[in-house]
Amino acid sequence: MDGNGGRELSPKVGCIAVHIHTTSVLSSLLVLMISDMVKLFLDMPQKDPCQKQACEIQKCLQANNYMESKCQAVIQELRKCCARYPKGRSLVCSGFENEEEEKLTLKPTAK
């Protein structure tokens, strides 16, 4: 007797079991690989979305002897760009973010 009540297991049944096990192991490995790739992508330095506007401000200031009043249009464009992205997404917007935080902390309370 072979321990299976006199019946032999078909080789196909054994192959299916091995195939299912192998497939689940491969699926698990694939999920881990994708997860690692996503983590790497998120950790990669990304181009600042408002860098172009920041460069335009620098050009304008240089062209106008650093007179901020002459560059209000390009400064406003940077503010618009910064408003499109969540806080912390753009390094060049951090100055505006800090400015807003300071306004909130220094704002006198109404009595």
PDB file of N, CA and C in Angstrom:
ATOM      1  N   MET A   1       0.842  -1.185   0.000  1.00  0.00           N
ATOM      2  CA  MET A   1       0.000   0.000   0.000  1.00  0.00           C
ATOM      3  C   MET A   1       0.883   1.244   0.000  1.00  0.00           C
ATOM      4  N   ASP A   2       0.337   2.285  -0.507  1.00  0.00           N
ATOM      5  CA  ASP A   2       1.114   3.513  -0.625  1.00  0.00           C
ATOM      6  C   ASP A   2       0.706   4.567   0.388  1.00  0.00           C
ATOM      7  N   GLY A   3      -0.167   4.282   1.346  1.00  0.00           N
ATOM      8  CA  GLY A   3      -0.575   5.248   2.347  1.00  0.00           C
ATOM      9  C   GLY A   3      -1.740   6.105   1.888  1.00  0.00           C
ATOM     10  N   ASN A   4      -2.248   5.906   0.716  1.00  0.00           N
ATOM     11  CA  ASN A   4      -3.371   6.662   0.189  1.00  0.00           C
ATOM     12  C   ASN A   4      -4.579   5.761  -0.034  1.00  0.00           C
ATOM     13  N   GLY A   5      -4.693   4.735   0.784  1.00  0.00           N
ATOM     14  CA  GLY A   5      -5.824   3.830   0.643  1.00  0.00           C
ATOM     15  C   GLY A   5      -5.772   3.038  -0.642  1.00  0.00           C
ATOM     16  N   GLY A   6      -4.592   2.727  -1.093  1.00  0.00           N
ATOM     17  CA  GLY A   6      -4.447   1.936  -2.295  1.00  0.00           C
ATOM     18  C   GLY A   6      -4.513   2.765  -3.573  1.00  0.00           C
ATOM     19  N   ARG A   7      -4.751   4.073  -3.411  1.00  0.00           N
ATOM     20  CA  ARG A   7      -4.828   4.929  -4.609  1.00  0.00           C
ATOM     21  C   ARG A   7      -3.546   5.732  -4.745  1.00  0.00           C
ATOM     22  N   GLU A   8      -3.096   5.841  -5.926  1.00  0.00           N
ATOM     23  CA  GLU A   8      -1.928   6.690  -6.166  1.00  0.00           C
ATOM     24  C   GLU A   8      -2.404   8.071  -6.606  1.00  0.00           C
ATOM     25  N   LEU A   9      -1.715   9.096  -6.124  1.00  0.00           N
ATOM     26  CA  LEU A   9      -2.053  10.460  -6.541  1.00  0.00           C
ATOM     27  C   LEU A   9      -1.604  10.673  -7.973  1.00  0.00           C
ATOM     28  N   SER A  10      -2.433  11.297  -8.715  1.00  0.00           N
ATOM     29  CA  SER A  10      -2.090  11.620 -10.084  1.00  0.00           C
ATOM     30  C   SER A  10      -0.956  12.643 -10.084  1.00  0.00           C
ATOM     31  N   PRO A  11      -0.003  12.500 -10.961  1.00  0.00           N
ATOM     32  CA  PRO A  11       1.065  13.506 -11.035  1.00  0.00           C
ATOM     33  C   PRO A  11       0.513  14.900 -11.308  1.00  0.00           C
ATOM     34  N   LYS A  12      -0.646  15.000 -11.983  1.00  0.00           N
ATOM     35  CA  LYS A  12      -1.240  16.301 -12.285  1.00  0.00           C
ATOM     36  C   LYS A  12      -1.664  17.011 -11.005  1.00  0.00           C
ATOM     37  N   VAL A  13      -2.206  16.286 -10.041  1.00  0.00           N
ATOM     38  CA  VAL A  13      -2.621  16.898  -8.790  1.00  0.00           C
ATOM     39  C   VAL A  13      -1.406  17.483  -8.086  1.00  0.00           C
ATOM     40  N   GLY A  14      -0.312  16.745  -8.057  1.00  0.00           N
ATOM     41  CA  GLY A  14       0.914  17.251  -7.453  1.00  0.00           C
ATOM     42  C   GLY A  14       1.429  18.489  -8.165  1.00  0.00           C
ATOM     43  N   CYS A  15       1.344  18.521  -9.489  1.00  0.00           N
ATOM     44  CA  CYS A  15       1.803  19.675 -10.267  1.00  0.00           C
ATOM     45  C   CYS A  15       0.939  20.889  -9.984  1.00  0.00           C
ATOM     46  N   ILE A  16      -0.369  20.692  -9.868  1.00  0.00           N
ATOM     47  CA  ILE A  16      -1.261  21.810  -9.588  1.00  0.00           C
ATOM     48  C   ILE A  16      -0.922  22.416  -8.241  1.00  0.00           C
ATOM     49  N   ALA A  17      -0.715  21.582  -7.245  1.00  0.00           N
ATOM     50  CA  ALA A  17      -0.382  22.075  -5.907  1.00  0.00           C
ATOM     51  C   ALA A  17       0.929  22.854  -5.941  1.00  0.00           C
ATOM     52  N   VAL A  18       1.914  22.316  -6.636  1.00  0.00           N
ATOM     53  CA  VAL A  18       3.207  23.000  -6.738  1.00  0.00           C
ATOM     54  C   VAL A  18       3.038  24.309  -7.507  1.00  0.00           C
ATOM     55  N   HIS A  19       2.230  24.286  -8.575  1.00  0.00           N
ATOM     56  CA  HIS A  19       2.000  25.489  -9.374  1.00  0.00           C
ATOM     57  C   HIS A  19       1.310  26.567  -8.537  1.00  0.00           C
ATOM     58  N   ILE A  20       0.294  26.189  -7.771  1.00  0.00           N
ATOM     59  CA  ILE A  20      -0.410  27.160  -6.927  1.00  0.00           C
ATOM     60  C   ILE A  20       0.533  27.740  -5.888  1.00  0.00           C
ATOM     61  N   HIS A  21       1.325  26.900  -5.252  1.00  0.00           N
ATOM     62  CA  HIS A  21       2.280  27.377  -4.249  1.00  0.00           C
ATOM     63  C   HIS A  21       3.299  28.318  -4.890  1.00  0.00           C
ATOM     64  N   THR A  22       3.829  27.911  -6.038  1.00  0.00           N
ATOM     65  CA  THR A  22       4.819  28.738  -6.729  1.00  0.00           C
ATOM     66  C   THR A  22       4.204  30.070  -7.146  1.00  0.00           C
ATOM     67  N   THR A  23       2.969  30.036  -7.629  1.00  0.00           N
ATOM     68  CA  THR A  23       2.304  31.259  -8.050  1.00  0.00           C
ATOM     69  C   THR A  23       2.110  32.204  -6.873  1.00  0.00           C
ATOM     70  N   SER A  24       1.690  31.678  -5.719  1.00  0.00           N
ATOM     71  CA  SER A  24       1.485  32.556  -4.564  1.00  0.00           C
ATOM     72  C   SER A  24       2.805  33.122  -4.062  1.00  0.00           C
ATOM     73  N   VAL A  25       3.868  32.337  -4.108  1.00  0.00           N
ATOM     74  CA  VAL A  25       5.188  32.834  -3.701  1.00  0.00           C
ATOM     75  C   VAL A  25       5.640  33.921  -4.675  1.00  0.00           C
ATOM     76  N   LEU A  26       5.459  33.694  -5.968  1.00  0.00           N
ATOM     77  CA  LEU A  26       5.846  34.693  -6.959  1.00  0.00           C
ATOM     78  C   LEU A  26       5.007  35.954  -6.809  1.00  0.00           C
ATOM     79  N   SER A  27       3.718  35.797  -6.525  1.00  0.00           N
ATOM     80  CA  SER A  27       2.863  36.968  -6.317  1.00  0.00           C
ATOM     81  C   SER A  27       3.344  37.770  -5.126  1.00  0.00           C
ATOM     82  N   SER A  28       3.694  37.095  -4.050  1.00  0.00           N
ATOM     83  CA  SER A  28       4.193  37.782  -2.864  1.00  0.00           C
ATOM     84  C   SER A  28       5.489  38.524  -3.169  1.00  0.00           C
ATOM     85  N   LEU A  29       6.375  37.858  -3.907  1.00  0.00           N
ATOM     86  CA  LEU A  29       7.637  38.504  -4.278  1.00  0.00           C
ATOM     87  C   LEU A  29       7.391  39.711  -5.175  1.00  0.00           C
ATOM     88  N   LEU A  30       6.446  39.576  -6.101  1.00  0.00           N
ATOM     89  CA  LEU A  30       6.124  40.680  -6.990  1.00  0.00           C
ATOM     90  C   LEU A  30       5.576  41.871  -6.206  1.00  0.00           C
ATOM     91  N   VAL A  31       4.711  41.614  -5.245  1.00  0.00           N
ATOM     92  CA  VAL A  31       4.159  42.682  -4.413  1.00  0.00           C
ATOM     93  C   VAL A  31       5.281  43.372  -3.641  1.00  0.00           C
ATOM     94  N   LEU A  32       6.204  42.603  -3.092  1.00  0.00           N
ATOM     95  CA  LEU A  32       7.327  43.189  -2.361  1.00  0.00           C
ATOM     96  C   LEU A  32       8.212  44.024  -3.278  1.00  0.00           C
ATOM     97  N   MET A  33       8.450  43.523  -4.485  1.00  0.00           N
ATOM     98  CA  MET A  33       9.285  44.270  -5.429  1.00  0.00           C
ATOM     99  C   MET A  33       8.620  45.588  -5.816  1.00  0.00           C
ATOM    100  N   ILE A  34       7.323  45.547  -6.097  1.00  0.00           N
ATOM    101  CA  ILE A  34       6.605  46.767  -6.468  1.00  0.00           C
ATOM    102  C   ILE A  34       6.617  47.754  -5.309  1.00  0.00           C
ATOM    103  N   SER A  35       6.405  47.250  -4.106  1.00  0.00           N
ATOM    104  CA  SER A  35       6.430  48.100  -2.914  1.00  0.00           C
ATOM    105  C   SER A  35       7.789  48.781  -2.766  1.00  0.00           C
ATOM    106  N   ASP A  36       8.859  48.024  -2.969  1.00  0.00           N
ATOM    107  CA  ASP A  36      10.206  48.599  -2.875  1.00  0.00           C
ATOM    108  C   ASP A  36      10.437  49.642  -3.968  1.00  0.00           C
ATOM    109  N   MET A  37       9.927  49.386  -5.176  1.00  0.00           N
ATOM    110  CA  MET A  37      10.101  50.332  -6.274  1.00  0.00           C
ATOM    111  C   MET A  37       9.355  51.633  -5.980  1.00  0.00           C
ATOM    112  N   VAL A  38       8.163  51.535  -5.410  1.00  0.00           N
ATOM    113  CA  VAL A  38       7.397  52.730  -5.063  1.00  0.00           C
ATOM    114  C   VAL A  38       8.143  53.536  -4.014  1.00  0.00           C
ATOM    115  N   LYS A  39       8.694  52.861  -3.004  1.00  0.00           N
ATOM    116  CA  LYS A  39       9.461  53.552  -1.963  1.00  0.00           C
ATOM    117  C   LYS A  39      10.665  54.271  -2.569  1.00  0.00           C
ATOM    118  N   LEU A  40      11.371  53.608  -3.481  1.00  0.00           N
ATOM    119  CA  LEU A  40      12.528  54.236  -4.126  1.00  0.00           C
ATOM    120  C   LEU A  40      12.108  55.455  -4.926  1.00  0.00           C
ATOM    121  N   PHE A  41      11.002  55.341  -5.660  1.00  0.00           N
ATOM    122  CA  PHE A  41      10.519  56.465  -6.459  1.00  0.00           C
ATOM    123  C   PHE A  41      10.158  57.645  -5.567  1.00  0.00           C
ATOM    124  N   LEU A  42       9.485  57.377  -4.457  1.00  0.00           N
ATOM    125  CA  LEU A  42       9.071  58.455  -3.563  1.00  0.00           C
ATOM    126  C   LEU A  42      10.262  59.121  -2.881  1.00  0.00           C
ATOM    127  N   ASP A  43      11.348  58.352  -2.693  1.00  0.00           N
ATOM    128  CA  ASP A  43      12.536  58.913  -2.053  1.00  0.00           C
ATOM    129  C   ASP A  43      13.437  59.658  -3.034  1.00  0.00           C
ATOM    130  N   MET A  44      13.195  59.478  -4.342  1.00  0.00           N
ATOM    131  CA  MET A  44      14.036  60.140  -5.333  1.00  0.00           C
ATOM    132  C   MET A  44      13.780  61.641  -5.319  1.00  0.00           C
ATOM    133  N   PRO A  45      14.836  62.403  -5.469  1.00  0.00           N
ATOM    134  CA  PRO A  45      14.608  63.852  -5.553  1.00  0.00           C
ATOM    135  C   PRO A  45      13.803  64.156  -6.815  1.00  0.00           C
ATOM    136  N   GLN A  46      12.802  64.989  -6.653  1.00  0.00           N
ATOM    137  CA  GLN A  46      11.958  65.347  -7.783  1.00  0.00           C
ATOM    138  C   GLN A  46      12.137  66.820  -8.086  1.00  0.00           C
ATOM    139  N   LYS A  47      11.923  67.173  -9.346  1.00  0.00           N
ATOM    140  CA  LYS A  47      12.052  68.563  -9.761  1.00  0.00           C
ATOM    141  C   LYS A  47      11.024  69.404  -9.019  1.00  0.00           C
ATOM    142  N   ASP A  48      11.467  70.527  -8.522  1.00  0.00           N
ATOM    143  CA  ASP A  48      10.574  71.429  -7.809  1.00  0.00           C
ATOM    144  C   ASP A  48       9.560  71.984  -8.800  1.00  0.00           C
ATOM    145  N   PRO A  49       8.258  71.834  -8.522  1.00  0.00           N
ATOM    146  CA  PRO A  49       7.258  72.258  -9.492  1.00  0.00           C
ATOM    147  C   PRO A  49       7.200  73.774  -9.711  1.00  0.00           C
ATOM    148  N   CYS A  50       7.752  74.557  -8.793  1.00  0.00           N
ATOM    149  CA  CYS A  50       7.692  76.023  -8.919  1.00  0.00           C
ATOM    150  C   CYS A  50       9.069  76.635  -9.182  1.00  0.00           C
ATOM    151  N   GLN A  51      10.016  75.811  -9.560  1.00  0.00           N
ATOM    152  CA  GLN A  51      11.381  76.282  -9.814  1.00  0.00           C
ATOM    153  C   GLN A  51      11.415  77.330 -10.930  1.00  0.00           C
ATOM    154  N   LYS A  52      10.635  77.100 -11.979  1.00  0.00           N
ATOM    155  CA  LYS A  52      10.625  78.038 -13.109  1.00  0.00           C
ATOM    156  C   LYS A  52      10.225  79.440 -12.645  1.00  0.00           C
ATOM    157  N   GLN A  53       9.174  79.526 -11.833  1.00  0.00           N
ATOM    158  CA  GLN A  53       8.700  80.825 -11.351  1.00  0.00           C
ATOM    159  C   GLN A  53       9.743  81.479 -10.448  1.00  0.00           C
ATOM    160  N   ALA A  54      10.428  80.683  -9.634  1.00  0.00           N
ATOM    161  CA  ALA A  54      11.472  81.223  -8.758  1.00  0.00           C
ATOM    162  C   ALA A  54      12.618  81.806  -9.588  1.00  0.00           C
ATOM    163  N   CYS A  55      12.974  81.137 -10.666  1.00  0.00           N
ATOM    164  CA  CYS A  55      14.035  81.648 -11.550  1.00  0.00           C
ATOM    165  C   CYS A  55      13.599  82.946 -12.226  1.00  0.00           C
ATOM    166  N   GLU A  56      12.316  83.020 -12.581  1.00  0.00           N
ATOM    167  CA  GLU A  56      11.800  84.251 -13.201  1.00  0.00           C
ATOM    168  C   GLU A  56      11.898  85.425 -12.230  1.00  0.00           C
ATOM    169  N   ILE A  57      11.658  85.160 -10.955  1.00  0.00           N
ATOM    170  CA  ILE A  57      11.792  86.226  -9.946  1.00  0.00           C
ATOM    171  C   ILE A  57      13.244  86.694  -9.874  1.00  0.00           C
ATOM    172  N   GLN A  58      14.161  85.752  -9.857  1.00  0.00           N
ATOM    173  CA  GLN A  58      15.580  86.124  -9.799  1.00  0.00           C
ATOM    174  C   GLN A  58      15.979  86.974 -11.006  1.00  0.00           C
ATOM    175  N   LYS A  59      15.527  86.553 -12.184  1.00  0.00           N
ATOM    176  CA  LYS A  59      15.842  87.329 -13.400  1.00  0.00           C
ATOM    177  C   LYS A  59      15.267  88.744 -13.304  1.00  0.00           C
ATOM    178  N   CYS A  60      14.028  88.824 -12.857  1.00  0.00           N
ATOM    179  CA  CYS A  60      13.365  90.131 -12.755  1.00  0.00           C
ATOM    180  C   CYS A  60      14.085  91.025 -11.748  1.00  0.00           C
ATOM    181  N   LEU A  61      14.425  90.473 -10.599  1.00  0.00           N
ATOM    182  CA  LEU A  61      15.104  91.273  -9.579  1.00  0.00           C
ATOM    183  C   LEU A  61      16.455  91.772 -10.074  1.00  0.00           C
ATOM    184  N   GLN A  62      17.200  90.900 -10.745  1.00  0.00           N
ATOM    185  CA  GLN A  62      18.501  91.303 -11.279  1.00  0.00           C
ATOM    186  C   GLN A  62      18.344  92.400 -12.327  1.00  0.00           C
ATOM    187  N   ALA A  63      17.323  92.260 -13.176  1.00  0.00           N
ATOM    188  CA  ALA A  63      17.107  93.240 -14.239  1.00  0.00           C
ATOM    189  C   ALA A  63      16.620  94.582 -13.699  1.00  0.00           C
ATOM    190  N   ASN A  64      16.070  94.591 -12.482  1.00  0.00           N
ATOM    191  CA  ASN A  64      15.489  95.811 -11.917  1.00  0.00           C
ATOM    192  C   ASN A  64      16.188  96.264 -10.634  1.00  0.00           C
ATOM    193  N   ASN A  65      17.485  96.006 -10.559  1.00  0.00           N
ATOM    194  CA  ASN A  65      18.276  96.415  -9.394  1.00  0.00           C
ATOM    195  C   ASN A  65      17.643  95.993  -8.062  1.00  0.00           C
ATOM    196  N   TYR A  66      17.087  94.811  -8.060  1.00  0.00           N
ATOM    197  CA  TYR A  66      16.508  94.212  -6.848  1.00  0.00           C
ATOM    198  C   TYR A  66      15.397  95.067  -6.233  1.00  0.00           C
ATOM    199  N   MET A  67      14.665  95.761  -7.088  1.00  0.00           N
ATOM    200  CA  MET A  67      13.502  96.518  -6.619  1.00  0.00           C
ATOM    201  C   MET A  67      12.289  95.587  -6.694  1.00  0.00           C
ATOM    202  N   GLU A  68      11.900  95.087  -5.546  1.00  0.00           N
ATOM    203  CA  GLU A  68      10.814  94.112  -5.464  1.00  0.00           C
ATOM    204  C   GLU A  68       9.516  94.637  -6.076  1.00  0.00           C
ATOM    205  N   SER A  69       9.279  95.926  -5.946  1.00  0.00           N
ATOM    206  CA  SER A  69       8.032  96.511  -6.457  1.00  0.00           C
ATOM    207  C   SER A  69       7.887  96.336  -7.967  1.00  0.00           C
ATOM    208  N   LYS A  70       8.999  96.228  -8.678  1.00  0.00           N
ATOM    209  CA  LYS A  70       8.953  96.067 -10.135  1.00  0.00           C
ATOM    210  C   LYS A  70       8.728  94.619 -10.562  1.00  0.00           C
ATOM    211  N   CYS A  71       8.719  93.712  -9.585  1.00  0.00           N
ATOM    212  CA  CYS A  71       8.601  92.280  -9.911  1.00  0.00           C
ATOM    213  C   CYS A  71       7.348  91.643  -9.306  1.00  0.00           C
ATOM    214  N   GLN A  72       6.382  92.464  -8.970  1.00  0.00           N
ATOM    215  CA  GLN A  72       5.184  91.937  -8.312  1.00  0.00           C
ATOM    216  C   GLN A  72       4.430  90.920  -9.167  1.00  0.00           C
ATOM    217  N   ALA A  73       4.424  91.102 -10.474  1.00  0.00           N
ATOM    218  CA  ALA A  73       3.699  90.166 -11.352  1.00  0.00           C
ATOM    219  C   ALA A  73       4.319  88.763 -11.295  1.00  0.00           C
ATOM    220  N   VAL A  74       5.661  88.692 -11.348  1.00  0.00           N
ATOM    221  CA  VAL A  74       6.296  87.364 -11.307  1.00  0.00           C
ATOM    222  C   VAL A  74       6.229  86.768  -9.905  1.00  0.00           C
ATOM    223  N   ILE A  75       6.253  87.612  -8.884  1.00  0.00           N
ATOM    224  CA  ILE A  75       6.098  87.121  -7.514  1.00  0.00           C
ATOM    225  C   ILE A  75       4.697  86.526  -7.346  1.00  0.00           C
ATOM    226  N   GLN A  76       3.707  87.181  -7.928  1.00  0.00           N
ATOM    227  CA  GLN A  76       2.335  86.667  -7.857  1.00  0.00           C
ATOM    228  C   GLN A  76       2.217  85.326  -8.580  1.00  0.00           C
ATOM    229  N   GLU A  77       2.937  85.172  -9.677  1.00  0.00           N
ATOM    230  CA  GLU A  77       2.919  83.894 -10.403  1.00  0.00           C
ATOM    231  C   GLU A  77       3.491  82.770  -9.532  1.00  0.00           C
ATOM    232  N   LEU A  78       4.537  83.077  -8.781  1.00  0.00           N
ATOM    233  CA  LEU A  78       5.092  82.077  -7.876  1.00  0.00           C
ATOM    234  C   LEU A  78       4.086  81.739  -6.773  1.00  0.00           C
ATOM    235  N   ARG A  79       3.431  82.736  -6.230  1.00  0.00           N
ATOM    236  CA  ARG A  79       2.400  82.487  -5.204  1.00  0.00           C
ATOM    237  C   ARG A  79       1.288  81.580  -5.751  1.00  0.00           C
ATOM    238  N   LYS A  80       0.877  81.820  -6.996  1.00  0.00           N
ATOM    239  CA  LYS A  80      -0.157  80.980  -7.619  1.00  0.00           C
ATOM    240  C   LYS A  80       0.331  79.544  -7.757  1.00  0.00           C
ATOM    241  N   CYS A  81       1.573  79.408  -8.184  1.00  0.00           N
ATOM    242  CA  CYS A  81       2.149  78.067  -8.327  1.00  0.00           C
ATOM    243  C   CYS A  81       2.182  77.361  -6.976  1.00  0.00           C
ATOM    244  N   CYS A  82       2.638  78.060  -5.962  1.00  0.00           N
ATOM    245  CA  CYS A  82       2.738  77.468  -4.616  1.00  0.00           C
ATOM    246  C   CYS A  82       1.370  77.047  -4.084  1.00  0.00           C
ATOM    247  N   ALA A  83       0.345  77.789  -4.434  1.00  0.00           N
ATOM    248  CA  ALA A  83      -1.011  77.472  -3.962  1.00  0.00           C
ATOM    249  C   ALA A  83      -1.533  76.176  -4.579  1.00  0.00           C
ATOM    250  N   ARG A  84      -0.957  75.756  -5.688  1.00  0.00           N
ATOM    251  CA  ARG A  84      -1.414  74.528  -6.361  1.00  0.00           C
ATOM    252  C   ARG A  84      -0.860  73.261  -5.721  1.00  0.00           C
ATOM    253  N   TYR A  85       0.140  73.370  -4.867  1.00  0.00           N
ATOM    254  CA  TYR A  85       0.805  72.191  -4.315  1.00  0.00           C
ATOM    255  C   TYR A  85       0.694  72.165  -2.797  1.00  0.00           C
ATOM    256  N   PRO A  86       0.683  70.959  -2.222  1.00  0.00           N
ATOM    257  CA  PRO A  86       0.595  70.874  -0.757  1.00  0.00           C
ATOM    258  C   PRO A  86       1.862  71.401  -0.093  1.00  0.00           C
ATOM    259  N   LYS A  87       1.688  71.862   1.127  1.00  0.00           N
ATOM    260  CA  LYS A  87       2.809  72.395   1.906  1.00  0.00           C
ATOM    261  C   LYS A  87       3.941  71.360   1.961  1.00  0.00           C
ATOM    262  N   GLY A  88       5.145  71.837   1.727  1.00  0.00           N
ATOM    263  CA  GLY A  88       6.309  70.963   1.776  1.00  0.00           C
ATOM    264  C   GLY A  88       6.681  70.341   0.444  1.00  0.00           C
ATOM    265  N   ARG A  89       5.819  70.428  -0.564  1.00  0.00           N
ATOM    266  CA  ARG A  89       6.108  69.815  -1.866  1.00  0.00           C
ATOM    267  C   ARG A  89       7.152  70.610  -2.643  1.00  0.00           C
ATOM    268  N   SER A  90       7.151  71.929  -2.471  1.00  0.00           N
ATOM    269  CA  SER A  90       8.063  72.792  -3.214  1.00  0.00           C
ATOM    270  C   SER A  90       8.999  73.513  -2.254  1.00  0.00           C
ATOM    271  N   LEU A  91      10.283  73.304  -2.441  1.00  0.00           N
ATOM    272  CA  LEU A  91      11.277  73.965  -1.602  1.00  0.00           C
ATOM    273  C   LEU A  91      11.245  75.475  -1.812  1.00  0.00           C
ATOM    274  N   VAL A  92      11.059  75.927  -3.052  1.00  0.00           N
ATOM    275  CA  VAL A  92      11.063  77.370  -3.303  1.00  0.00           C
ATOM    276  C   VAL A  92       9.846  78.054  -2.702  1.00  0.00           C
ATOM    277  N   CYS A  93       8.814  77.298  -2.369  1.00  0.00           N
ATOM    278  CA  CYS A  93       7.610  77.879  -1.755  1.00  0.00           C
ATOM    279  C   CYS A  93       7.729  77.975  -0.237  1.00  0.00           C
ATOM    280  N   SER A  94       8.768  77.414   0.326  1.00  0.00           N
ATOM    281  CA  SER A  94       8.892  77.392   1.785  1.00  0.00           C
ATOM    282  C   SER A  94       8.940  78.794   2.376  1.00  0.00           C
ATOM    283  N   GLY A  95       9.479  79.748   1.650  1.00  0.00           N
ATOM    284  CA  GLY A  95       9.506  81.130   2.139  1.00  0.00           C
ATOM    285  C   GLY A  95       8.101  81.692   2.304  1.00  0.00           C
ATOM    286  N   PHE A  96       7.233  81.406   1.340  1.00  0.00           N
ATOM    287  CA  PHE A  96       5.843  81.855   1.440  1.00  0.00           C
ATOM    288  C   PHE A  96       5.123  81.121   2.569  1.00  0.00           C
ATOM    289  N   GLU A  97       5.418  79.832   2.702  1.00  0.00           N
ATOM    290  CA  GLU A  97       4.781  79.045   3.763  1.00  0.00           C
ATOM    291  C   GLU A  97       5.175  79.591   5.133  1.00  0.00           C
ATOM    292  N   ASN A  98       6.467  79.894   5.295  1.00  0.00           N
ATOM    293  CA  ASN A  98       6.942  80.459   6.567  1.00  0.00           C
ATOM    294  C   ASN A  98       6.328  81.830   6.816  1.00  0.00           C
ATOM    295  N   GLU A  99       6.201  82.607   5.753  1.00  0.00           N
ATOM    296  CA  GLU A  99       5.605  83.938   5.862  1.00  0.00           C
ATOM    297  C   GLU A  99       4.155  83.837   6.362  1.00  0.00           C
ATOM    298  N   GLU A 100       3.412  82.882   5.823  1.00  0.00           N
ATOM    299  CA  GLU A 100       2.022  82.689   6.237  1.00  0.00           C
ATOM    300  C   GLU A 100       1.940  82.256   7.700  1.00  0.00           C
ATOM    301  N   GLU A 101       2.836  81.358   8.105  1.00  0.00           N
ATOM    302  CA  GLU A 101       2.850  80.900   9.501  1.00  0.00           C
ATOM    303  C   GLU A 101       3.160  82.063  10.447  1.00  0.00           C
ATOM    304  N   GLU A 102       4.109  82.912  10.054  1.00  0.00           N
ATOM    305  CA  GLU A 102       4.461  84.064  10.887  1.00  0.00           C
ATOM    306  C   GLU A 102       3.282  85.025  11.016  1.00  0.00           C
ATOM    307  N   LYS A 103       2.564  85.232   9.924  1.00  0.00           N
ATOM    308  CA  LYS A 103       1.395  86.114   9.970  1.00  0.00           C
ATOM    309  C   LYS A 103       0.362  85.580  10.953  1.00  0.00           C
ATOM    310  N   LEU A 104       0.182  84.268  10.952  1.00  0.00           N
ATOM    311  CA  LEU A 104      -0.807  83.670  11.845  1.00  0.00           C
ATOM    312  C   LEU A 104      -0.392  83.776  13.310  1.00  0.00           C
ATOM    313  N   THR A 105       0.909  83.626  13.589  1.00  0.00           N
ATOM    314  CA  THR A 105       1.354  83.681  14.978  1.00  0.00           C
ATOM    315  C   THR A 105       1.470  85.107  15.503  1.00  0.00           C
ATOM    316  N   LEU A 106       1.712  86.070  14.611  1.00  0.00           N
ATOM    317  CA  LEU A 106       1.864  87.465  15.023  1.00  0.00           C
ATOM    318  C   LEU A 106       0.561  88.239  14.957  1.00  0.00           C
ATOM    319  N   LYS A 107      -0.466  87.623  14.389  1.00  0.00           N
ATOM    320  CA  LYS A 107      -1.750  88.300  14.211  1.00  0.00           C
ATOM    321  C   LYS A 107      -2.347  88.652  15.579  1.00  0.00           C
ATOM    322  N   PRO A 108      -2.656  89.928  15.806  1.00  0.00           N
ATOM    323  CA  PRO A 108      -3.235  90.302  17.114  1.00  0.00           C
ATOM    324  C   PRO A 108      -4.665  89.725  17.240  1.00  0.00           C
ATOM    325  N   THR A 109      -4.979  89.301  18.416  1.00  0.00           N
ATOM    326  CA  THR A 109      -6.310  88.738  18.631  1.00  0.00           C
ATOM    327  C   THR A 109      -7.288  89.857  18.936  1.00  0.00           C
ATOM    328  N   ALA A 110      -8.477  89.714  18.416  1.00  0.00           N
ATOM    329  CA  ALA A 110      -9.521  90.727  18.622  1.00  0.00           C
ATOM    330  C   ALA A 110     -10.019  90.641  20.059  1.00  0.00           C
ATOM    331  N   LYS A 111     -10.241  91.799  20.682  1.00  0.00           N
ATOM    332  CA  LYS A 111     -10.718  91.808  22.065  1.00  0.00           C
ATOM    333  C   LYS A 111     -12.143  92.281  22.137  1.00  0.00           C
TER     334      LYS A 111
END
